[in-house]
Protein backbone atom coordinates (compact mmCIF):
# COMPACT_ATOMS: atom_id res chain seq x y z
CA GLN A 1 0.00 0.00 0.00
CA VAL A 2 1.07 3.56 -0.72
CA GLN A 3 -0.38 6.51 1.16
CA LEU A 4 -0.44 9.93 -0.49
CA VAL A 5 -0.92 13.12 1.53
CA GLU A 6 -1.51 16.34 -0.39
CA SER A 7 -1.17 19.88 0.91
CA GLY A 8 -0.95 23.44 -0.34
CA GLY A 9 -4.36 24.11 -1.83
CA GLY A 10 -6.38 27.20 -1.08
CA LEU A 11 -7.96 30.37 -2.42
CA VAL A 12 -5.91 32.66 -4.63
CA GLN A 13 -6.64 35.61 -6.87
CA PRO A 14 -6.20 35.40 -10.65
CA GLY A 15 -2.55 35.83 -11.53
CA GLY A 16 -1.45 34.45 -8.19
CA SER A 17 0.62 31.39 -7.32
CA LEU A 18 0.27 28.25 -5.24
CA ARG A 19 2.54 25.31 -4.56
CA LEU A 20 1.07 21.86 -4.01
CA SER A 21 2.93 19.04 -2.29
CA CYS A 22 2.25 15.33 -2.19
CA ALA A 23 4.18 13.07 0.16
CA ALA A 24 4.14 9.33 -0.50
CA SER A 25 4.75 6.70 2.16
CA GLY A 26 4.46 2.95 2.46
CA SER A 27 5.49 0.29 -0.06
CA ILE A 28 7.05 2.49 -2.71
CA PHE A 29 8.54 0.78 -5.75
CA SER A 30 10.88 2.26 -8.31
CA PRO A 31 10.70 3.16 -11.06
CA ASN A 32 7.44 4.99 -10.70
CA VAL A 33 5.50 7.93 -12.04
CA MET A 34 3.93 10.58 -9.86
CA GLY A 35 1.55 13.19 -11.09
CA TRP A 36 -1.20 15.70 -10.55
CA TYR A 37 -4.69 15.49 -11.95
CA ARG A 38 -7.64 17.78 -11.41
CA GLN A 39 -11.40 17.63 -11.51
CA ALA A 40 -13.63 20.67 -11.81
CA PRO A 41 -17.34 20.51 -10.91
CA GLY A 42 -19.31 18.75 -13.63
CA LYS A 43 -16.17 17.75 -15.54
CA GLN A 44 -14.06 14.63 -15.87
CA ARG A 45 -10.78 14.25 -14.07
CA GLU A 46 -7.93 15.36 -16.30
CA LEU A 47 -4.16 15.16 -16.34
CA VAL A 48 -2.25 18.24 -15.22
CA ALA A 49 1.35 17.02 -15.14
CA THR A 50 3.39 13.89 -14.47
CA ILE A 51 7.01 13.21 -13.62
CA ALA A 52 8.84 9.91 -13.74
CA SER A 53 11.39 8.86 -11.15
CA GLY A 54 14.07 9.52 -13.79
CA GLY A 55 12.86 13.09 -14.17
CA SER A 56 10.99 13.12 -17.47
CA THR A 57 7.89 15.30 -17.39
CA ASN A 58 4.60 15.65 -19.23
CA TYR A 59 2.17 18.58 -19.08
CA ALA A 60 -1.34 19.33 -20.25
CA ASP A 61 -1.32 22.01 -22.93
CA SER A 62 -3.49 24.24 -20.75
CA VAL A 63 -0.81 24.55 -18.06
CA LYS A 64 2.39 24.58 -20.09
CA GLY A 65 4.50 27.60 -19.26
CA ARG A 66 2.56 28.28 -16.04
CA PHE A 67 2.91 25.10 -13.96
CA THR A 68 6.07 23.22 -13.05
CA ILE A 69 6.17 19.71 -11.63
CA SER A 70 9.18 18.50 -9.67
CA ARG A 71 10.04 15.73 -7.23
CA ASP A 72 12.39 14.89 -4.41
CA ASN A 73 13.04 11.16 -4.64
CA ALA A 74 14.77 11.09 -1.25
CA LYS A 75 11.57 12.41 0.36
CA ASN A 76 9.18 10.58 -1.99
CA THR A 77 7.49 13.90 -2.56
CA VAL A 78 6.17 15.55 -5.70
CA TYR A 79 5.47 19.25 -6.06
CA LEU A 80 3.38 21.36 -8.39
CA GLN A 81 4.31 25.02 -8.65
CA MET A 82 1.38 26.88 -10.16
CA ASN A 83 1.93 30.42 -11.41
CA ASN A 84 -0.32 32.89 -13.22
CA LEU A 85 -3.39 31.02 -12.02
CA LYS A 86 -6.64 31.49 -13.88
CA PRO A 87 -10.26 30.97 -12.77
CA GLU A 88 -10.42 27.93 -15.05
CA ASP A 89 -7.72 26.29 -12.93
CA THR A 90 -10.27 25.99 -10.11
CA ALA A 91 -10.65 22.30 -9.28
CA VAL A 92 -9.85 19.59 -6.79
CA TYR A 93 -6.26 18.54 -7.44
CA TYR A 94 -5.34 14.90 -6.92
CA CYS A 95 -1.93 13.32 -6.53
CA ARG A 96 -1.32 9.99 -8.25
CA HIS A 97 1.42 7.39 -7.78
CA ILE A 98 1.87 4.67 -10.41
CA SER A 99 4.26 1.78 -10.03
CA ARG A 100 3.24 -1.81 -9.50
CA PHE A 101 -0.17 -0.46 -8.49
CA ASP A 102 -2.09 2.78 -8.94
CA TYR A 103 -2.76 5.04 -5.95
CA TRP A 104 -4.60 8.34 -5.54
CA GLY A 105 -4.54 10.98 -2.85
CA GLN A 106 -7.65 12.43 -1.23
CA GLY A 107 -7.47 15.69 -3.18
CA THR A 108 -6.91 19.32 -2.30
CA GLN A 109 -9.12 22.21 -3.38
CA VAL A 110 -7.68 25.02 -5.46
CA THR A 111 -9.94 28.01 -6.01
CA VAL A 112 -8.92 30.92 -8.23
CA SER A 113 -11.25 33.86 -7.75
CA SER A 114 -11.22 37.57 -7.13
């Protein structure tokens, strides 16, 4: 089992920044992929960004140039730096860990509003 604990969500004005963190613990296998997904009300969950244990990254077109995913393998933690936030970024953000099995965090709310 892998446990994922997310933090860093909140309310921010358009143009602002937030940094999300997701700490993994338990039976962690390598290599693995960790990532962030989001789900807005009435919409399907969608990929935001992923990062492999070797460092390769993948981003949704809608966040390229604004969001940066990174990870600290020693701490089993993945981060999402979100800059120039827009109202359409409002969603519940979920952390995901993929290795031998697929695990999800409980989600953290991000609200972008003036």
